[in-house]
Amino acid sequence: MGPIMRIITIGLSIFSTLYKESLSVRFKVTSVTSVVATLGSDVVLPCRLTPEMNAEKMEIRWFKPMYQPYVHLYINGKDDYSIQMPQFTNRTELIKENITRGVFPLKIHKVTAQDSGEYYCFVESSDHHGRTIVQLNVTAVGTRPNISKINNDTLLCESCDWLPKPHLTWTDNEGKQIIPSMERLYRDEKSLYCITSIINLPSTSNITCTVSNSLNQNNEFSMQIREKGQPQTCRDLYSRYILFWSCLAVTLGCICLLLKSHREHQKEYGKILGELQKKNGELQKVYAHLIGLENLFFFSLQMLFGDYCEINAIIFGQRK
């Protein structure tokens, strides 16, 4: 009887242990591994219980690795914003449409670059708790790369407003990669990445600067350049001479036309001036003739009035 009782006792002990563990492992918190969101858009971070069960009376905490303050807290059947991270104020929403089935994703409005990172979904009931981790990757395709010459032997390429960290690649017209002499990656005041790269001018006619991130988002720009150290050929010099002499001929032609036009205007002006002088002479003659007539008129008046006075004097003298 001793060995049999011992076996029964061990069996009951194992059964009791398994029963207690089955009571404690009541649910599992699950989600996806990562979520990608475009900068400025709204994003939903999934979280659910397995198996399905009502989570209305449970405590649900969404937080980043620092634990507190929370990203979002649901407790005692309602949302609690008293200890929420300031950067998430008025931007989070726990979707409760299916909370009775154990589904309660977190919605974040207008995601920013600072929102990137790990998020913990922690769920606690009266006798159990569990958690899962979701990685949020906020993405932004940066500006078109800008290639500029620092000097005759050096090229600079730069691009900004990238998320996540970008990578810059130089290639020639054959697709061969060119190793930069210097590269710099930094974050601006908006927590977006900027990248700059410098290369020595290669012996090629075309250069391409491509900027991309780990999510295969990219932007590129190509630039036509003269081959480094390429000597000027006779054809180049001949073209320059043709261009120079053509410009000179056009310039001289314009000068000749202007001189011809000036001479024609001078000739026309001289003709008009001669006619005016002729008219002026005629007017002077008319004016002199009018002056003579005026003098004659006044002389005639004087003679007339003189004779009249003498006649009156004779008549009055005879009467006396």
Protein backbone atom coordinates (compact mmCIF):
# COMPACT_ATOMS: atom_id res chain seq x y z
CA MET A 1 0.00 0.00 0.00
CA GLY A 2 2.90 2.37 0.70
CA PRO A 3 4.21 2.62 -2.88
CA ILE A 4 0.68 2.92 -4.26
CA MET A 5 -0.17 5.77 -1.91
CA ARG A 6 3.07 7.48 -2.80
CA ILE A 7 2.24 7.32 -6.52
CA ILE A 8 -1.27 8.64 -5.86
CA THR A 9 0.13 11.50 -3.77
CA ILE A 10 2.65 12.46 -6.49
CA GLY A 11 -0.06 12.32 -9.13
CA LEU A 12 -2.37 14.56 -7.10
CA SER A 13 0.50 17.01 -6.54
CA ILE A 14 1.29 17.21 -10.27
CA PHE A 15 -2.42 17.61 -11.11
CA SER A 16 -2.76 20.38 -8.53
CA THR A 17 0.24 22.22 -9.94
CA LEU A 18 -1.04 21.96 -13.52
CA TYR A 19 -4.47 23.11 -12.38
CA LYS A 20 -3.06 26.17 -10.65
CA GLU A 21 -0.99 27.04 -13.74
CA SER A 22 -4.05 26.66 -15.95
CA LEU A 23 -5.92 29.07 -13.71
CA SER A 24 -3.13 31.64 -13.80
CA VAL A 25 -2.51 31.51 -17.60
CA ARG A 26 -5.91 32.87 -18.57
CA PHE A 27 -4.98 34.92 -21.66
CA LYS A 28 -2.14 35.97 -23.92
CA VAL A 29 -1.61 39.49 -25.28
CA THR A 30 -0.77 39.49 -29.00
CA SER A 31 -0.09 41.97 -31.80
CA VAL A 32 1.89 42.40 -35.00
CA THR A 33 5.65 42.82 -34.94
CA SER A 34 5.79 46.26 -36.57
CA VAL A 35 3.65 48.94 -38.18
CA VAL A 36 4.73 51.50 -40.81
CA ALA A 37 3.16 54.97 -40.95
CA THR A 38 3.82 58.01 -43.12
CA LEU A 39 4.80 61.20 -41.34
CA GLY A 40 1.69 63.24 -40.50
CA SER A 41 -0.80 60.40 -41.04
CA ASP A 42 -2.94 58.47 -38.51
CA VAL A 43 -1.82 54.99 -37.43
CA VAL A 44 -3.42 52.08 -35.56
CA LEU A 45 -1.33 49.82 -33.30
CA PRO A 46 -3.10 46.43 -32.94
CA CYS A 47 -3.50 44.65 -29.59
CA ARG A 48 -5.80 41.75 -28.62
CA LEU A 49 -6.32 38.91 -26.15
CA THR A 50 -6.07 35.24 -27.03
CA PRO A 51 -8.42 33.51 -26.53
CA GLU A 52 -11.17 36.09 -27.01
CA MET A 53 -12.60 37.50 -23.78
CA ASN A 54 -14.20 40.64 -22.43
CA ALA A 55 -11.59 43.24 -21.49
CA GLU A 56 -13.95 46.02 -20.35
CA LYS A 57 -13.03 45.52 -16.67
CA MET A 58 -9.33 45.06 -17.28
CA GLU A 59 -6.57 47.66 -17.09
CA ILE A 60 -4.96 48.46 -20.43
CA ARG A 61 -1.75 50.45 -20.55
CA TRP A 62 0.04 51.59 -23.68
CA PHE A 63 3.53 52.91 -22.94
CA LYS A 64 6.99 53.33 -24.38
CA PRO A 65 10.08 51.72 -22.78
CA MET A 66 10.16 54.37 -20.04
CA TYR A 67 6.84 52.91 -18.71
CA GLN A 68 5.56 56.18 -17.20
CA PRO A 69 4.10 58.56 -18.15
CA TYR A 70 1.82 56.49 -20.34
CA VAL A 71 1.04 56.87 -23.99
CA HIS A 72 -2.55 55.89 -23.14
CA LEU A 73 -4.21 54.44 -20.02
CA TYR A 74 -7.56 52.68 -19.76
CA ILE A 75 -8.59 51.84 -16.18
CA ASN A 76 -11.84 51.26 -14.29
CA GLY A 77 -13.75 51.15 -17.55
CA LYS A 78 -12.64 54.56 -18.85
CA ASP A 79 -9.70 56.48 -20.31
CA ASP A 80 -7.38 58.26 -17.89
CA TYR A 81 -5.28 61.12 -19.31
CA SER A 82 -3.90 62.40 -16.00
CA ILE A 83 -0.45 60.85 -16.47
CA GLN A 84 -0.19 60.86 -20.25
CA MET A 85 3.03 61.81 -22.07
CA PRO A 86 2.73 65.48 -23.15
CA GLN A 87 3.68 64.72 -26.76
CA PHE A 88 0.53 62.55 -27.11
CA THR A 89 -1.97 65.06 -25.69
CA ASN A 90 -5.20 64.97 -27.74
CA ARG A 91 -3.59 62.55 -30.20
CA THR A 92 -4.46 59.06 -28.84
CA GLU A 93 -7.64 57.01 -28.91
CA LEU A 94 -8.26 53.50 -27.59
CA ILE A 95 -10.68 51.90 -30.03
CA LYS A 96 -13.27 50.02 -27.92
CA GLU A 97 -15.69 48.79 -30.59
CA ASN A 98 -14.62 45.18 -30.03
CA ILE A 99 -13.24 45.40 -26.49
CA THR A 100 -15.79 42.78 -25.34
CA ARG A 101 -14.03 40.36 -27.71
CA GLY A 102 -10.62 41.31 -26.36
CA VAL A 103 -9.67 43.67 -29.23
CA PHE A 104 -8.51 47.19 -28.28
CA PRO A 105 -6.04 48.78 -30.76
CA LEU A 106 -4.53 52.20 -30.10
CA LYS A 107 -4.96 54.96 -32.69
CA ILE A 108 -2.40 57.77 -32.84
CA HIS A 109 -3.32 60.86 -34.85
CA LYS A 110 -0.83 62.83 -36.99
CA VAL A 111 2.28 60.83 -36.18
CA THR A 112 5.55 62.72 -35.77
CA ALA A 113 9.17 61.69 -36.11
CA GLN A 114 9.41 61.44 -32.28
CA ASP A 115 6.63 58.81 -32.28
CA SER A 116 8.90 56.19 -33.84
CA GLY A 117 9.98 53.33 -31.57
CA GLU A 118 8.67 50.46 -29.45
CA TYR A 119 5.21 50.48 -27.86
CA TYR A 120 4.15 48.11 -25.08
CA CYS A 121 0.55 46.94 -24.77
CA PHE A 122 0.13 45.79 -21.17
CA VAL A 123 -3.10 44.18 -19.97
CA GLU A 124 -3.91 43.25 -16.37
CA SER A 125 -6.92 41.47 -14.91
CA SER A 126 -7.67 40.62 -11.26
CA ASP A 127 -5.54 37.47 -11.38
CA HIS A 128 -3.35 37.71 -14.49
CA HIS A 129 -1.42 40.06 -16.73
CA GLY A 130 0.44 40.01 -20.02
CA ARG A 131 2.06 42.28 -22.56
CA THR A 132 3.25 42.50 -26.16
CA ILE A 133 5.54 44.86 -28.11
CA VAL A 134 4.81 46.71 -31.36
CA GLN A 135 7.46 48.58 -33.34
CA LEU A 136 6.22 51.79 -35.00
CA ASN A 137 8.29 52.98 -37.96
CA VAL A 138 7.43 56.50 -39.08
CA THR A 139 8.64 57.15 -42.62
CA ALA A 140 9.24 60.24 -44.73
CA VAL A 141 10.71 60.46 -48.21
CA GLY A 142 13.14 63.35 -48.17
CA THR A 143 13.83 66.12 -50.61
CA ARG A 144 15.26 65.52 -54.05
CA PRO A 145 19.05 65.26 -53.76
CA ASN A 146 20.85 68.42 -54.79
CA ILE A 147 24.25 68.12 -56.49
CA SER A 148 26.50 71.16 -56.53
CA LYS A 149 30.15 71.90 -57.31
CA ILE A 150 32.32 73.02 -54.42
CA ASN A 151 35.20 73.62 -56.81
CA ASN A 152 36.44 72.23 -60.12
CA ASP A 153 37.41 68.90 -58.54
CA THR A 154 34.75 68.33 -55.85
CA LEU A 155 31.01 67.58 -55.88
CA LEU A 156 28.55 67.83 -52.97
CA CYS A 157 25.20 66.02 -52.69
CA GLU A 158 22.67 66.75 -49.93
CA SER A 159 19.12 65.77 -49.03
CA CYS A 160 16.91 66.35 -45.94
CA ASP A 161 13.58 65.37 -44.30
CA TRP A 162 14.18 61.59 -44.22
CA LEU A 163 12.88 58.87 -41.90
CA PRO A 164 14.26 56.40 -40.97
CA LYS A 165 18.00 56.94 -41.40
CA PRO A 166 18.87 57.39 -45.09
CA HIS A 167 21.81 56.03 -47.04
CA LEU A 168 23.49 57.94 -49.88
CA THR A 169 25.11 56.34 -52.93
CA TRP A 170 27.13 57.88 -55.76
CA THR A 171 27.22 56.10 -59.15
CA ASP A 172 28.74 56.95 -62.52
CA ASN A 173 27.18 56.58 -65.96
CA GLU A 174 28.15 52.87 -65.99
CA GLY A 175 26.43 52.20 -62.66
CA LYS A 176 29.68 51.80 -60.77
CA GLN A 177 29.65 53.02 -57.18
CA ILE A 178 31.91 55.92 -56.21
CA ILE A 179 33.29 56.02 -52.68
CA PRO A 180 32.76 59.44 -51.02
CA SER A 181 35.64 61.30 -49.40
CA MET A 182 33.33 62.59 -46.63
CA GLU A 183 29.80 61.90 -45.42
CA ARG A 184 27.69 63.41 -42.64
CA LEU A 185 24.34 62.31 -41.17
CA TYR A 186 22.46 64.43 -38.63
CA ARG A 187 18.95 65.19 -37.32
CA ASP A 188 17.35 68.59 -37.63
CA GLU A 189 15.02 70.40 -35.20
CA LYS A 190 12.06 68.29 -36.44
CA SER A 191 13.97 65.04 -35.68
CA LEU A 192 14.19 64.31 -39.42
CA TYR A 193 17.44 63.13 -40.97
CA CYS A 194 19.69 65.11 -43.32
CA ILE A 195 22.62 63.58 -45.17
CA THR A 196 25.49 65.20 -47.08
CA SER A 197 28.27 63.56 -49.05
CA ILE A 198 31.35 64.79 -50.92
CA ILE A 199 33.31 63.09 -53.70
CA ASN A 200 36.28 63.98 -55.86
CA LEU A 201 35.12 64.68 -59.41
CA PRO A 202 35.47 61.39 -61.33
CA SER A 203 36.43 60.92 -64.99
CA THR A 204 32.89 60.44 -66.25
CA SER A 205 30.28 62.36 -68.20
CA ASN A 206 27.34 61.64 -65.88
CA ILE A 207 26.99 61.32 -62.10
CA THR A 208 23.98 60.15 -60.04
CA CYS A 209 23.30 60.73 -56.34
CA THR A 210 20.71 58.35 -54.82
CA VAL A 211 19.34 58.62 -51.28
CA SER A 212 17.27 55.75 -49.82
CA ASN A 213 16.16 54.33 -46.48
CA SER A 214 15.78 50.83 -45.04
CA LEU A 215 12.19 50.62 -46.33
CA ASN A 216 13.38 50.85 -49.96
CA GLN A 217 12.05 54.38 -50.36
CA ASN A 218 14.43 56.45 -52.47
CA ASN A 219 15.01 59.66 -54.36
CA GLU A 220 17.74 60.40 -56.89
CA PHE A 221 19.22 63.10 -59.05
CA SER A 222 21.62 62.91 -62.00
CA MET A 223 23.97 65.59 -63.29
CA GLN A 224 25.86 65.93 -66.58
CA ILE A 225 29.49 66.93 -66.06
CA ARG A 226 32.56 67.40 -68.27
CA GLU A 227 35.09 64.65 -67.89
CA LYS A 228 37.80 65.62 -65.42
CA GLY A 229 40.87 66.97 -67.13
CA GLN A 230 39.37 66.52 -70.60
CA PRO A 231 41.41 68.67 -73.03
CA GLN A 232 39.74 70.97 -75.48
CA THR A 233 39.68 69.45 -78.97
CA CYS A 234 40.10 71.28 -82.29
CA ARG A 235 36.39 70.83 -82.80
CA ASP A 236 35.69 72.65 -79.50
CA LEU A 237 38.01 75.53 -80.46
CA TYR A 238 36.52 75.72 -83.96
CA SER A 239 33.01 75.89 -82.48
CA ARG A 240 34.08 78.67 -80.15
CA TYR A 241 35.66 80.64 -83.03
CA ILE A 242 32.52 80.25 -85.13
CA LEU A 243 30.39 81.45 -82.24
CA PHE A 244 32.70 84.41 -81.56
CA TRP A 245 32.85 85.60 -85.17
CA SER A 246 29.11 85.11 -85.61
CA CYS A 247 28.42 87.29 -82.59
CA LEU A 248 30.94 89.87 -83.84
CA ALA A 249 29.33 89.95 -87.30
CA VAL A 250 25.87 90.43 -85.81
CA THR A 251 27.19 93.22 -83.57
CA LEU A 252 28.89 95.01 -86.49
CA GLY A 253 25.77 94.62 -88.62
CA CYS A 254 23.69 96.24 -85.89
CA ILE A 255 26.18 99.12 -85.64
CA CYS A 256 26.08 99.69 -89.42
CA LEU A 257 22.30 99.73 -89.42
CA LEU A 258 22.30 102.26 -86.60
CA LEU A 259 24.80 104.50 -88.43
CA LYS A 260 22.81 104.29 -91.65
CA SER A 261 19.62 105.12 -89.81
CA HIS A 262 21.40 108.04 -88.11
CA ARG A 263 22.62 109.43 -91.47
CA GLU A 264 19.15 109.15 -92.97
CA HIS A 265 17.69 111.01 -90.01
CA GLN A 266 20.38 113.70 -90.32
CA LYS A 267 19.64 114.10 -94.03
CA GLU A 268 15.92 114.37 -93.36
CA TYR A 269 16.60 116.84 -90.58
CA GLY A 270 18.76 119.01 -92.89
CA LYS A 271 16.04 119.00 -95.52
CA ILE A 272 13.39 120.06 -93.04
CA LEU A 273 15.73 122.74 -91.62
CA GLY A 274 16.34 124.16 -95.13
CA GLU A 275 12.62 124.37 -95.81
CA LEU A 276 12.07 126.12 -92.49
CA GLN A 277 14.82 128.66 -93.26
CA LYS A 278 13.26 129.32 -96.69
CA LYS A 279 9.84 129.87 -95.15
CA ASN A 280 11.41 132.14 -92.55
CA GLY A 281 12.96 134.31 -95.32
CA GLU A 282 9.60 134.61 -97.04
CA LEU A 283 7.95 135.56 -93.77
CA GLN A 284 10.61 138.23 -93.20
CA LYS A 285 9.83 139.76 -96.62
CA VAL A 286 6.09 139.77 -95.92
CA TYR A 287 6.76 141.32 -92.51
CA ALA A 288 8.93 144.11 -94.08
CA HIS A 289 6.22 144.81 -96.69
CA LEU A 290 3.58 145.07 -93.95
CA ILE A 291 5.79 147.49 -92.01
CA GLY A 292 6.14 149.66 -95.19
CA LEU A 293 2.37 149.71 -95.69
CA GLU A 294 1.88 150.67 -92.05
CA ASN A 295 4.28 153.61 -92.38
CA LEU A 296 2.63 154.77 -95.62
CA PHE A 297 -0.78 154.61 -93.97
CA PHE A 298 0.26 156.76 -91.04
CA PHE A 299 2.00 159.26 -93.38
CA SER A 300 -1.18 159.60 -95.46
CA LEU A 301 -3.22 160.25 -92.30
CA GLN A 302 -0.82 162.97 -91.22
CA MET A 303 -1.02 164.69 -94.63
CA LEU A 304 -4.80 164.47 -94.65
CA PHE A 305 -5.23 165.96 -91.20
CA GLY A 306 -2.66 168.72 -91.95
CA ASP A 307 -4.57 169.94 -95.05
CA TYR A 308 -7.85 169.88 -93.14
CA CYS A 309 -6.50 172.15 -90.42
CA GLU A 310 -5.16 174.74 -92.93
CA ILE A 311 -8.54 174.94 -94.74
CA ASN A 312 -10.42 175.54 -91.48
CA ALA A 313 -8.03 178.34 -90.56
CA ILE A 314 -8.61 180.17 -93.89
CA ILE A 315 -12.40 179.85 -93.63
CA PHE A 316 -12.55 181.18 -90.08
CA GLY A 317 -10.18 184.10 -90.98
CA GLN A 318 -12.40 185.34 -93.86
CA ARG A 319 -15.50 185.42 -91.65
CA LYS A 320 -13.84 187.66 -89.17
